[in-house]
């Protein structure tokens, strides 16, 4: 498989500085070497960044750094579309605003292939705010609402060529949802599996059901992995820690099942804040999880010392 590493040093969507160092941390933690050890061809395209900013403002005074996020979204939409023509793009974030562009670009690619795009959203948060409903103003909380075509982005964010059908979005690991997001989700077809559902049914059963749905539709699958999907005891390097997340074992199981499916066509690794890490612990875990997604088995995992 040809893996394309694309650094996205975006931190404009978050309130805490540090995510712009995420791509460097993932590279330092050995992502390229781990993929090559599994037999994949790897091309590192370096870091990207927008050339200019649009002159736009929103009536919601809470909205922060809208011109920057719009410029990043335009860039990443085109980049995801172009680089997915051949190979598997792996986007090294950066905060979760990255996904507004990466998913939009992958949806365009899938649409031109005549196939549906499915999105697996591994996160503590649903990121289903619109520009009107966000109270924090942090735009890493809006990408799912945007790429599923929710109202409120017209005239600000780029027009979507291929909105993702909400019924093709599956969220796993959710445990922090604002009231406005909860209300919007009730009126949508997004599948939301919070941590209670995982505790009751197990992550394997939930993921297997979604994989079967993707297979039946001959879909492409984009995986968006936020560090806070994981329990902060396992992955402390994130500015939005929420206790009670996925365990080390659950996360690796998810990745191994995704590899076995053969469906994943693109990947986001987001919200890694190395400034908050412990001797690279979280960055190394993300590298190990990516390796599991790309073929490393449980018996092949390296022994770590910190």
C-alpha atoms as a PDB file:
ATOM      1  CA  UNK A   1       0.000   0.000   0.000  1.00  0.00           C
ATOM      2  CA  UNK A   2       1.201   3.524  -0.743  1.00  0.00           C
ATOM      3  CA  UNK A   3       0.797   5.698   2.358  1.00  0.00           C
ATOM      4  CA  UNK A   4       1.050   9.468   1.995  1.00  0.00           C
ATOM      5  CA  UNK A   5       1.906  11.403   5.155  1.00  0.00           C
ATOM      6  CA  UNK A   6       0.580  14.956   5.118  1.00  0.00           C
ATOM      7  CA  UNK A   7       1.427  17.270   8.004  1.00  0.00           C
ATOM      8  CA  UNK A   8      -1.340  19.687   8.975  1.00  0.00           C
ATOM      9  CA  UNK A   9      -0.003  22.038  11.705  1.00  0.00           C
ATOM     10  CA  UNK A  10      -3.413  23.549  12.378  1.00  0.00           C
ATOM     11  CA  UNK A  11      -4.224  24.847  15.846  1.00  0.00           C
ATOM     12  CA  UNK A  12      -6.631  27.681  14.966  1.00  0.00           C
ATOM     13  CA  UNK A  13      -9.677  25.565  15.814  1.00  0.00           C
ATOM     14  CA  UNK A  14      -8.684  24.914  19.425  1.00  0.00           C
ATOM     15  CA  UNK A  15      -8.354  27.186  22.440  1.00  0.00           C
ATOM     16  CA  UNK A  16      -5.077  25.729  23.704  1.00  0.00           C
ATOM     17  CA  UNK A  17      -1.843  26.114  21.775  1.00  0.00           C
ATOM     18  CA  UNK A  18       0.300  23.122  20.898  1.00  0.00           C
ATOM     19  CA  UNK A  19      -1.476  21.077  18.223  1.00  0.00           C
ATOM     20  CA  UNK A  20       0.657  22.631  15.512  1.00  0.00           C
ATOM     21  CA  UNK A  21       3.516  20.496  16.868  1.00  0.00           C
ATOM     22  CA  UNK A  22       1.531  17.283  16.316  1.00  0.00           C
ATOM     23  CA  UNK A  23       2.930  16.406  12.867  1.00  0.00           C
ATOM     24  CA  UNK A  24       6.521  16.738  14.080  1.00  0.00           C
ATOM     25  CA  UNK A  25       5.806  14.594  17.143  1.00  0.00           C
ATOM     26  CA  UNK A  26       4.291  11.820  15.047  1.00  0.00           C
ATOM     27  CA  UNK A  27       7.260  11.854  12.718  1.00  0.00           C
ATOM     28  CA  UNK A  28       9.697  11.832  15.644  1.00  0.00           C
ATOM     29  CA  UNK A  29       7.793   8.924  17.197  1.00  0.00           C
ATOM     30  CA  UNK A  30       8.599   6.841  14.113  1.00  0.00           C
ATOM     31  CA  UNK A  31       5.427   6.763  12.037  1.00  0.00           C
ATOM     32  CA  UNK A  32       7.182   6.440   8.684  1.00  0.00           C
ATOM     33  CA  UNK A  33       9.491   3.685   9.911  1.00  0.00           C
ATOM     34  CA  UNK A  34       6.598   1.751  11.456  1.00  0.00           C
ATOM     35  CA  UNK A  35       4.701   1.764   8.167  1.00  0.00           C
ATOM     36  CA  UNK A  36       7.759   0.770   6.150  1.00  0.00           C
ATOM     37  CA  UNK A  37       8.425  -2.139   8.523  1.00  0.00           C
ATOM     38  CA  UNK A  38       4.973  -3.436   7.584  1.00  0.00           C
ATOM     39  CA  UNK A  39       5.944  -3.421   3.915  1.00  0.00           C
ATOM     40  CA  UNK A  40       4.157  -0.251   2.828  1.00  0.00           C
ATOM     41  CA  UNK A  41       5.560   2.383   0.506  1.00  0.00           C
ATOM     42  CA  UNK A  42       5.608   5.722   2.306  1.00  0.00           C
ATOM     43  CA  UNK A  43       5.855   9.233   0.913  1.00  0.00           C
ATOM     44  CA  UNK A  44       6.079  12.135   3.340  1.00  0.00           C
ATOM     45  CA  UNK A  45       4.665  15.203   1.597  1.00  0.00           C
ATOM     46  CA  UNK A  46       5.788  17.492   4.395  1.00  0.00           C
ATOM     47  CA  UNK A  47       3.657  20.105   6.116  1.00  0.00           C
ATOM     48  CA  UNK A  48       1.076  22.191   4.294  1.00  0.00           C
ATOM     49  CA  UNK A  49      -0.468  25.582   5.019  1.00  0.00           C
ATOM     50  CA  UNK A  50      -2.932  28.021   3.427  1.00  0.00           C
ATOM     51  CA  UNK A  51      -1.586  30.861   1.268  1.00  0.00           C
ATOM     52  CA  UNK A  52      -4.067  33.575   2.218  1.00  0.00           C
ATOM     53  CA  UNK A  53      -7.089  34.341   4.368  1.00  0.00           C
ATOM     54  CA  UNK A  54     -10.579  35.395   3.285  1.00  0.00           C
ATOM     55  CA  UNK A  55     -12.064  38.584   4.737  1.00  0.00           C
ATOM     56  CA  UNK A  56     -15.118  37.155   6.511  1.00  0.00           C
ATOM     57  CA  UNK A  57     -16.879  37.595   9.854  1.00  0.00           C
ATOM     58  CA  UNK A  58     -19.807  35.848  11.501  1.00  0.00           C
ATOM     59  CA  UNK A  59     -22.579  37.461  13.563  1.00  0.00           C
ATOM     60  CA  UNK A  60     -21.932  34.992  16.378  1.00  0.00           C
ATOM     61  CA  UNK A  61     -19.304  36.999  18.263  1.00  0.00           C
ATOM     62  CA  UNK A  62     -18.005  33.839  19.957  1.00  0.00           C
ATOM     63  CA  UNK A  63     -16.681  32.381  16.680  1.00  0.00           C
ATOM     64  CA  UNK A  64     -12.895  32.436  16.719  1.00  0.00           C
ATOM     65  CA  UNK A  65     -10.443  32.496  13.808  1.00  0.00           C
ATOM     66  CA  UNK A  66     -13.041  31.870  11.122  1.00  0.00           C
ATOM     67  CA  UNK A  67     -10.878  33.138   8.208  1.00  0.00           C
ATOM     68  CA  UNK A  68      -8.084  30.753   9.182  1.00  0.00           C
ATOM     69  CA  UNK A  69     -10.365  27.723   9.459  1.00  0.00           C
ATOM     70  CA  UNK A  70     -12.058  28.494   6.151  1.00  0.00           C
ATOM     71  CA  UNK A  71      -8.678  28.811   4.421  1.00  0.00           C
ATOM     72  CA  UNK A  72      -7.486  25.515   5.914  1.00  0.00           C
ATOM     73  CA  UNK A  73     -10.750  23.813   4.889  1.00  0.00           C
ATOM     74  CA  UNK A  74     -10.382  24.961   1.293  1.00  0.00           C
ATOM     75  CA  UNK A  75      -6.780  23.752   1.161  1.00  0.00           C
ATOM     76  CA  UNK A  76      -7.425  20.372   2.774  1.00  0.00           C
ATOM     77  CA  UNK A  77     -10.506  19.657   0.669  1.00  0.00           C
ATOM     78  CA  UNK A  78      -8.452  20.000  -2.494  1.00  0.00           C
ATOM     79  CA  UNK A  79      -5.471  18.174  -1.014  1.00  0.00           C
ATOM     80  CA  UNK A  80      -7.509  15.193   0.197  1.00  0.00           C
ATOM     81  CA  UNK A  81      -9.205  14.915  -3.178  1.00  0.00           C
ATOM     82  CA  UNK A  82      -5.945  15.098  -5.115  1.00  0.00           C
ATOM     83  CA  UNK A  83      -3.812  12.802  -2.953  1.00  0.00           C
ATOM     84  CA  UNK A  84      -6.506  10.125  -2.666  1.00  0.00           C
ATOM     85  CA  UNK A  85      -6.313   9.458  -6.413  1.00  0.00           C
ATOM     86  CA  UNK A  86      -3.458   7.038  -5.695  1.00  0.00           C
ATOM     87  CA  UNK A  87      -2.613   5.773  -2.241  1.00  0.00           C
ATOM     88  CA  UNK A  88      -3.909   6.258   1.288  1.00  0.00           C
ATOM     89  CA  UNK A  89      -3.552   9.798   2.645  1.00  0.00           C
ATOM     90  CA  UNK A  90      -2.766   9.999   6.372  1.00  0.00           C
ATOM     91  CA  UNK A  91      -3.319  13.488   7.745  1.00  0.00           C
ATOM     92  CA  UNK A  92      -1.123  14.365  10.716  1.00  0.00           C
ATOM     93  CA  UNK A  93      -2.953  17.010  12.730  1.00  0.00           C
ATOM     94  CA  UNK A  94      -3.445  19.522  14.065  1.00  0.00           C
ATOM     95  CA  UNK A  95      -6.768  19.989  15.812  1.00  0.00           C
ATOM     96  CA  UNK A  96      -9.999  18.356  14.669  1.00  0.00           C
ATOM     97  CA  UNK A  97     -10.954  21.265  12.409  1.00  0.00           C
ATOM     98  CA  UNK A  98      -8.669  19.383   9.994  1.00  0.00           C
ATOM     99  CA  UNK A  99     -11.533  17.003   9.241  1.00  0.00           C
ATOM    100  CA  UNK A 100     -13.808  19.648   7.768  1.00  0.00           C
ATOM    101  CA  UNK A 101     -11.514  19.630   4.748  1.00  0.00           C
ATOM    102  CA  UNK A 102     -10.185  16.075   4.710  1.00  0.00           C
ATOM    103  CA  UNK A 103     -13.644  14.498   4.800  1.00  0.00           C
ATOM    104  CA  UNK A 104     -15.062  16.944   2.258  1.00  0.00           C
ATOM    105  CA  UNK A 105     -12.240  16.087  -0.134  1.00  0.00           C
ATOM    106  CA  UNK A 106     -12.609  12.351   0.372  1.00  0.00           C
ATOM    107  CA  UNK A 107     -16.366  12.646  -0.185  1.00  0.00           C
ATOM    108  CA  UNK A 108     -15.678  14.313  -3.530  1.00  0.00           C
ATOM    109  CA  UNK A 109     -13.301  11.484  -4.466  1.00  0.00           C
ATOM    110  CA  UNK A 110     -15.865   8.844  -3.474  1.00  0.00           C
ATOM    111  CA  UNK A 111     -18.627  10.638  -5.363  1.00  0.00           C
ATOM    112  CA  UNK A 112     -16.606  10.735  -8.567  1.00  0.00           C
ATOM    113  CA  UNK A 113     -15.947   7.013  -8.192  1.00  0.00           C
ATOM    114  CA  UNK A 114     -19.678   6.431  -7.835  1.00  0.00           C
ATOM    115  CA  UNK A 115     -19.264   5.078  -4.306  1.00  0.00           C
ATOM    116  CA  UNK A 116     -20.506   6.402  -0.956  1.00  0.00           C
ATOM    117  CA  UNK A 117     -18.137   7.719   1.698  1.00  0.00           C
ATOM    118  CA  UNK A 118     -18.539   6.468   5.263  1.00  0.00           C
ATOM    119  CA  UNK A 119     -16.895   8.144   8.253  1.00  0.00           C
ATOM    120  CA  UNK A 120     -15.841   6.477  11.498  1.00  0.00           C
ATOM    121  CA  UNK A 121     -15.533   9.238  14.111  1.00  0.00           C
ATOM    122  CA  UNK A 122     -13.438   8.095  17.080  1.00  0.00           C
ATOM    123  CA  UNK A 123     -13.781  10.913  19.576  1.00  0.00           C
ATOM    124  CA  UNK A 124     -15.053  11.982  22.987  1.00  0.00           C
ATOM    125  CA  UNK A 125     -17.011  14.759  21.258  1.00  0.00           C
ATOM    126  CA  UNK A 126     -19.523  14.811  18.419  1.00  0.00           C
ATOM    127  CA  UNK A 127     -18.238  18.090  16.888  1.00  0.00           C
ATOM    128  CA  UNK A 128     -21.761  18.773  15.653  1.00  0.00           C
ATOM    129  CA  UNK A 129     -22.047  22.492  16.377  1.00  0.00           C
ATOM    130  CA  UNK A 130     -22.908  24.983  13.661  1.00  0.00           C
ATOM    131  CA  UNK A 131     -21.414  28.458  13.489  1.00  0.00           C
ATOM    132  CA  UNK A 132     -24.612  29.712  15.099  1.00  0.00           C
ATOM    133  CA  UNK A 133     -24.728  27.302  18.042  1.00  0.00           C
ATOM    134  CA  UNK A 134     -21.103  27.211  19.194  1.00  0.00           C
ATOM    135  CA  UNK A 135     -20.646  29.015  22.484  1.00  0.00           C
ATOM    136  CA  UNK A 136     -16.925  28.436  22.885  1.00  0.00           C
ATOM    137  CA  UNK A 137     -16.288  29.617  19.339  1.00  0.00           C
ATOM    138  CA  UNK A 138     -13.645  26.911  18.899  1.00  0.00           C
ATOM    139  CA  UNK A 139     -14.162  25.617  15.392  1.00  0.00           C
ATOM    140  CA  UNK A 140     -12.724  22.156  15.999  1.00  0.00           C
ATOM    141  CA  UNK A 141     -16.265  21.599  17.273  1.00  0.00           C
ATOM    142  CA  UNK A 142     -18.010  22.011  13.896  1.00  0.00           C
ATOM    143  CA  UNK A 143     -16.535  19.657  11.253  1.00  0.00           C
ATOM    144  CA  UNK A 144     -19.174  16.890  11.369  1.00  0.00           C
ATOM    145  CA  UNK A 145     -21.999  19.394  11.137  1.00  0.00           C
ATOM    146  CA  UNK A 146     -20.263  20.979   8.153  1.00  0.00           C
ATOM    147  CA  UNK A 147     -19.380  17.914   6.085  1.00  0.00           C
ATOM    148  CA  UNK A 148     -22.833  16.357   6.608  1.00  0.00           C
ATOM    149  CA  UNK A 149     -24.424  19.467   5.112  1.00  0.00           C
ATOM    150  CA  UNK A 150     -26.030  20.926   8.224  1.00  0.00           C
ATOM    151  CA  UNK A 151     -27.426  24.429   7.719  1.00  0.00           C
ATOM    152  CA  UNK A 152     -25.537  27.483   8.894  1.00  0.00           C
ATOM    153  CA  UNK A 153     -22.256  27.264   6.968  1.00  0.00           C
ATOM    154  CA  UNK A 154     -23.475  28.803   3.701  1.00  0.00           C
ATOM    155  CA  UNK A 155     -21.583  31.920   2.720  1.00  0.00           C
ATOM    156  CA  UNK A 156     -18.733  31.127   5.100  1.00  0.00           C
ATOM    157  CA  UNK A 157     -17.294  27.643   4.565  1.00  0.00           C
ATOM    158  CA  UNK A 158     -16.658  26.278   1.047  1.00  0.00           C
ATOM    159  CA  UNK A 159     -19.718  24.848  -0.697  1.00  0.00           C
ATOM    160  CA  UNK A 160     -19.767  21.053  -0.484  1.00  0.00           C
ATOM    161  CA  UNK A 161     -19.691  19.165  -3.764  1.00  0.00           C
ATOM    162  CA  UNK A 162     -20.651  15.894  -2.038  1.00  0.00           C
ATOM    163  CA  UNK A 163     -22.085  16.207   1.493  1.00  0.00           C
ATOM    164  CA  UNK A 164     -21.715  13.043   3.547  1.00  0.00           C
ATOM    165  CA  UNK A 165     -25.034  11.357   4.271  1.00  0.00           C
ATOM    166  CA  UNK A 166     -25.420  11.524   8.084  1.00  0.00           C
ATOM    167  CA  UNK A 167     -26.565   7.883   8.083  1.00  0.00           C
ATOM    168  CA  UNK A 168     -23.048   6.994   6.927  1.00  0.00           C
ATOM    169  CA  UNK A 169     -21.360   8.555   9.964  1.00  0.00           C
ATOM    170  CA  UNK A 170     -20.666   6.362  13.002  1.00  0.00           C
ATOM    171  CA  UNK A 171     -19.321   7.902  16.209  1.00  0.00           C
ATOM    172  CA  UNK A 172     -17.681   5.724  18.833  1.00  0.00           C
ATOM    173  CA  UNK A 173     -16.362   6.827  22.222  1.00  0.00           C
ATOM    174  CA  UNK A 174     -18.663   9.805  22.740  1.00  0.00           C
ATOM    175  CA  UNK A 175     -18.937  11.129  26.292  1.00  0.00           C
ATOM    176  CA  UNK A 176     -19.103  14.939  26.133  1.00  0.00           C
ATOM    177  CA  UNK A 177     -21.965  16.519  24.169  1.00  0.00           C
ATOM    178  CA  UNK A 178     -23.301  20.061  24.499  1.00  0.00           C
ATOM    179  CA  UNK A 179     -27.107  20.580  24.687  1.00  0.00           C
ATOM    180  CA  UNK A 180     -27.269  22.210  21.231  1.00  0.00           C
ATOM    181  CA  UNK A 181     -25.385  19.304  19.697  1.00  0.00           C
ATOM    182  CA  UNK A 182     -27.609  16.790  21.469  1.00  0.00           C
ATOM    183  CA  UNK A 183     -30.716  18.473  20.056  1.00  0.00           C
ATOM    184  CA  UNK A 184     -29.282  18.547  16.541  1.00  0.00           C
ATOM    185  CA  UNK A 185     -28.227  14.911  16.682  1.00  0.00           C
ATOM    186  CA  UNK A 186     -31.749  13.842  17.672  1.00  0.00           C
ATOM    187  CA  UNK A 187     -32.954  15.131  14.327  1.00  0.00           C
ATOM    188  CA  UNK A 188     -30.182  13.457  12.326  1.00  0.00           C
ATOM    189  CA  UNK A 189     -29.355   9.928  11.221  1.00  0.00           C
ATOM    190  CA  UNK A 190     -25.834   9.944  12.675  1.00  0.00           C
ATOM    191  CA  UNK A 191     -25.070   6.782  14.680  1.00  0.00           C
ATOM    192  CA  UNK A 192     -23.729   7.726  18.113  1.00  0.00           C
ATOM    193  CA  UNK A 193     -22.211   5.104  20.396  1.00  0.00           C
ATOM    194  CA  UNK A 194     -21.306   6.617  23.733  1.00  0.00           C
ATOM    195  CA  UNK A 195     -19.122   4.915  26.315  1.00  0.00           C
ATOM    196  CA  UNK A 196     -22.110   3.385  28.092  1.00  0.00           C
ATOM    197  CA  UNK A 197     -23.084   1.540  24.910  1.00  0.00           C
ATOM    198  CA  UNK A 198     -19.497   0.339  24.588  1.00  0.00           C
ATOM    199  CA  UNK A 199     -19.531  -0.874  28.196  1.00  0.00           C
ATOM    200  CA  UNK A 200     -22.817  -2.721  27.647  1.00  0.00           C
ATOM    201  CA  UNK A 201     -22.192  -4.278  24.226  1.00  0.00           C
ATOM    202  CA  UNK A 202     -18.445  -4.130  23.622  1.00  0.00           C
ATOM    203  CA  UNK A 203     -16.691  -2.104  20.955  1.00  0.00           C
ATOM    204  CA  UNK A 204     -16.242  -5.098  18.627  1.00  0.00           C
ATOM    205  CA  UNK A 205     -19.973  -5.685  18.142  1.00  0.00           C
ATOM    206  CA  UNK A 206     -20.622  -2.000  17.459  1.00  0.00           C
ATOM    207  CA  UNK A 207     -17.786  -1.667  14.979  1.00  0.00           C
ATOM    208  CA  UNK A 208     -18.604  -4.955  13.250  1.00  0.00           C
ATOM    209  CA  UNK A 209     -22.122  -3.712  12.532  1.00  0.00           C
ATOM    210  CA  UNK A 210     -20.784  -0.520  10.959  1.00  0.00           C
ATOM    211  CA  UNK A 211     -18.178  -2.379   8.901  1.00  0.00           C
ATOM    212  CA  UNK A 212     -20.886  -4.635   7.518  1.00  0.00           C
ATOM    213  CA  UNK A 213     -22.864  -1.563   6.500  1.00  0.00           C
ATOM    214  CA  UNK A 214     -19.871  -0.125   4.632  1.00  0.00           C
ATOM    215  CA  UNK A 215     -19.203  -3.450   2.925  1.00  0.00           C
ATOM    216  CA  UNK A 216     -22.815  -3.812   1.802  1.00  0.00           C
ATOM    217  CA  UNK A 217     -22.724  -0.386   0.163  1.00  0.00           C
ATOM    218  CA  UNK A 218     -19.261  -0.879  -1.392  1.00  0.00           C
ATOM    219  CA  UNK A 219     -18.265   2.294   0.400  1.00  0.00           C
ATOM    220  CA  UNK A 220     -14.978   4.033   1.023  1.00  0.00           C
ATOM    221  CA  UNK A 221     -14.137   4.507   4.695  1.00  0.00           C
ATOM    222  CA  UNK A 222     -12.486   7.532   6.257  1.00  0.00           C
ATOM    223  CA  UNK A 223     -11.306   7.121   9.865  1.00  0.00           C
ATOM    224  CA  UNK A 224     -10.896  10.206  12.033  1.00  0.00           C
ATOM    225  CA  UNK A 225      -9.028   9.444  15.262  1.00  0.00           C
ATOM    226  CA  UNK A 226      -9.001  12.106  17.976  1.00  0.00           C
ATOM    227  CA  UNK A 227      -6.572  11.590  20.863  1.00  0.00           C
ATOM    228  CA  UNK A 228      -9.406  12.136  23.333  1.00  0.00           C
ATOM    229  CA  UNK A 229     -11.139   9.005  22.061  1.00  0.00           C
ATOM    230  CA  UNK A 230      -8.660   7.348  24.388  1.00  0.00           C
ATOM    231  CA  UNK A 231      -8.742   7.535  28.147  1.00  0.00           C
ATOM    232  CA  UNK A 232      -6.402  10.318  29.321  1.00  0.00           C
ATOM    233  CA  UNK A 233      -4.561   7.812  31.508  1.00  0.00           C
ATOM    234  CA  UNK A 234      -3.373   6.164  28.286  1.00  0.00           C
ATOM    235  CA  UNK A 235      -3.061   9.306  26.151  1.00  0.00           C
ATOM    236  CA  UNK A 236      -2.515  12.486  28.173  1.00  0.00           C
ATOM    237  CA  UNK A 237      -1.372  14.756  25.318  1.00  0.00           C
ATOM    238  CA  UNK A 238      -4.678  16.444  24.513  1.00  0.00           C
ATOM    239  CA  UNK A 239      -6.169  19.754  25.543  1.00  0.00           C
ATOM    240  CA  UNK A 240      -9.725  18.409  25.836  1.00  0.00           C
ATOM    241  CA  UNK A 241      -9.353  15.528  28.272  1.00  0.00           C
ATOM    242  CA  UNK A 242     -12.523  13.670  29.213  1.00  0.00           C
ATOM    243  CA  UNK A 243     -12.200  10.771  31.696  1.00  0.00           C
ATOM    244  CA  UNK A 244     -13.578   7.346  30.882  1.00  0.00           C
ATOM    245  CA  UNK A 245     -12.379   6.918  27.313  1.00  0.00           C
ATOM    246  CA  UNK A 246     -11.378   3.881  25.312  1.00  0.00           C
ATOM    247  CA  UNK A 247      -8.692   1.676  26.785  1.00  0.00           C
ATOM    248  CA  UNK A 248      -5.410   0.759  25.121  1.00  0.00           C
ATOM    249  CA  UNK A 249      -6.812  -2.687  24.314  1.00  0.00           C
ATOM    250  CA  UNK A 250     -10.121  -1.386  22.929  1.00  0.00           C
ATOM    251  CA  UNK A 251      -8.317   1.091  20.675  1.00  0.00           C
ATOM    252  CA  UNK A 252      -5.999  -1.556  19.251  1.00  0.00           C
ATOM    253  CA  UNK A 253      -8.929  -3.898  18.692  1.00  0.00           C
ATOM    254  CA  UNK A 254     -10.715  -1.191  16.704  1.00  0.00           C
ATOM    255  CA  UNK A 255      -7.658  -0.672  14.539  1.00  0.00           C
ATOM    256  CA  UNK A 256      -7.052  -4.358  13.929  1.00  0.00           C
ATOM    257  CA  UNK A 257     -10.696  -4.889  12.949  1.00  0.00           C
ATOM    258  CA  UNK A 258     -10.469  -1.958  10.542  1.00  0.00           C
ATOM    259  CA  UNK A 259      -7.373  -3.478   8.959  1.00  0.00           C
ATOM    260  CA  UNK A 260      -9.094  -6.841   8.597  1.00  0.00           C
ATOM    261  CA  UNK A 261     -11.990  -5.141   6.809  1.00  0.00           C
ATOM    262  CA  UNK A 262      -9.739  -3.758   4.067  1.00  0.00           C
ATOM    263  CA  UNK A 263     -12.063  -0.761   3.741  1.00  0.00           C
ATOM    264  CA  UNK A 264     -10.056   2.181   5.090  1.00  0.00           C
ATOM    265  CA  UNK A 265      -9.021   4.633   2.395  1.00  0.00           C
ATOM    266  CA  UNK A 266      -7.893   7.640   4.481  1.00  0.00           C
ATOM    267  CA  UNK A 267      -7.030   8.554   8.062  1.00  0.00           C
ATOM    268  CA  UNK A 268      -6.906  11.608  10.334  1.00  0.00           C
ATOM    269  CA  UNK A 269      -4.707  11.658  13.444  1.00  0.00           C
ATOM    270  CA  UNK A 270      -5.765  14.756  15.349  1.00  0.00           C
ATOM    271  CA  UNK A 271      -5.621  16.757  18.588  1.00  0.00           C
ATOM    272  CA  UNK A 272      -2.158  15.530  19.585  1.00  0.00           C
ATOM    273  CA  UNK A 273      -0.633  18.286  21.711  1.00  0.00           C
ATOM    274  CA  UNK A 274       3.009  17.335  22.386  1.00  0.00           C
ATOM    275  CA  UNK A 275       3.334  20.207  24.880  1.00  0.00           C
ATOM    276  CA  UNK A 276       1.089  18.152  27.192  1.00  0.00           C
ATOM    277  CA  UNK A 277       2.696  14.766  26.558  1.00  0.00           C
ATOM    278  CA  UNK A 278       4.867  12.621  28.823  1.00  0.00           C
ATOM    279  CA  UNK A 279       8.151  11.802  27.038  1.00  0.00           C
ATOM    280  CA  UNK A 280       6.347  11.198  23.757  1.00  0.00           C
ATOM    281  CA  UNK A 281       4.007   8.619  25.246  1.00  0.00           C
ATOM    282  CA  UNK A 282       0.875   9.691  23.363  1.00  0.00           C
ATOM    283  CA  UNK A 283       2.663  10.214  20.066  1.00  0.00           C
ATOM    284  CA  UNK A 284       4.137   6.713  20.289  1.00  0.00           C
ATOM    285  CA  UNK A 285       0.697   5.283  21.066  1.00  0.00           C
ATOM    286  CA  UNK A 286      -0.773   6.960  17.985  1.00  0.00           C
ATOM    287  CA  UNK A 287       2.025   5.486  15.889  1.00  0.00           C
ATOM    288  CA  UNK A 288       1.314   2.040  17.334  1.00  0.00           C
ATOM    289  CA  UNK A 289      -2.414   2.410  16.641  1.00  0.00           C
ATOM    290  CA  UNK A 290      -1.718   3.464  13.061  1.00  0.00           C
ATOM    291  CA  UNK A 291       0.522   0.431  12.676  1.00  0.00           C
ATOM    292  CA  UNK A 292      -2.322  -1.788  13.910  1.00  0.00           C
ATOM    293  CA  UNK A 293      -4.617  -0.194  11.353  1.00  0.00           C
ATOM    294  CA  UNK A 294      -2.045  -0.911   8.661  1.00  0.00           C
ATOM    295  CA  UNK A 295      -1.428  -4.542   9.531  1.00  0.00           C
ATOM    296  CA  UNK A 296       0.524  -5.024  12.737  1.00  0.00           C
ATOM    297  CA  UNK A 297      -0.938  -7.839  14.850  1.00  0.00           C
ATOM    298  CA  UNK A 298      -1.223  -8.051  18.613  1.00  0.00           C
ATOM    299  CA  UNK A 299       1.755 -10.397  18.874  1.00  0.00           C
ATOM    300  CA  UNK A 300       3.935  -7.943  16.918  1.00  0.00           C
ATOM    301  CA  UNK A 301       3.621  -4.961  19.253  1.00  0.00           C
ATOM    302  CA  UNK A 302       6.943  -3.670  20.587  1.00  0.00           C
ATOM    303  CA  UNK A 303       7.786  -3.513  24.267  1.00  0.00           C
ATOM    304  CA  UNK A 304       7.838   0.107  25.437  1.00  0.00           C
ATOM    305  CA  UNK A 305       9.790   1.714  28.244  1.00  0.00           C
ATOM    306  CA  UNK A 306       9.230   5.306  29.283  1.00  0.00           C
END
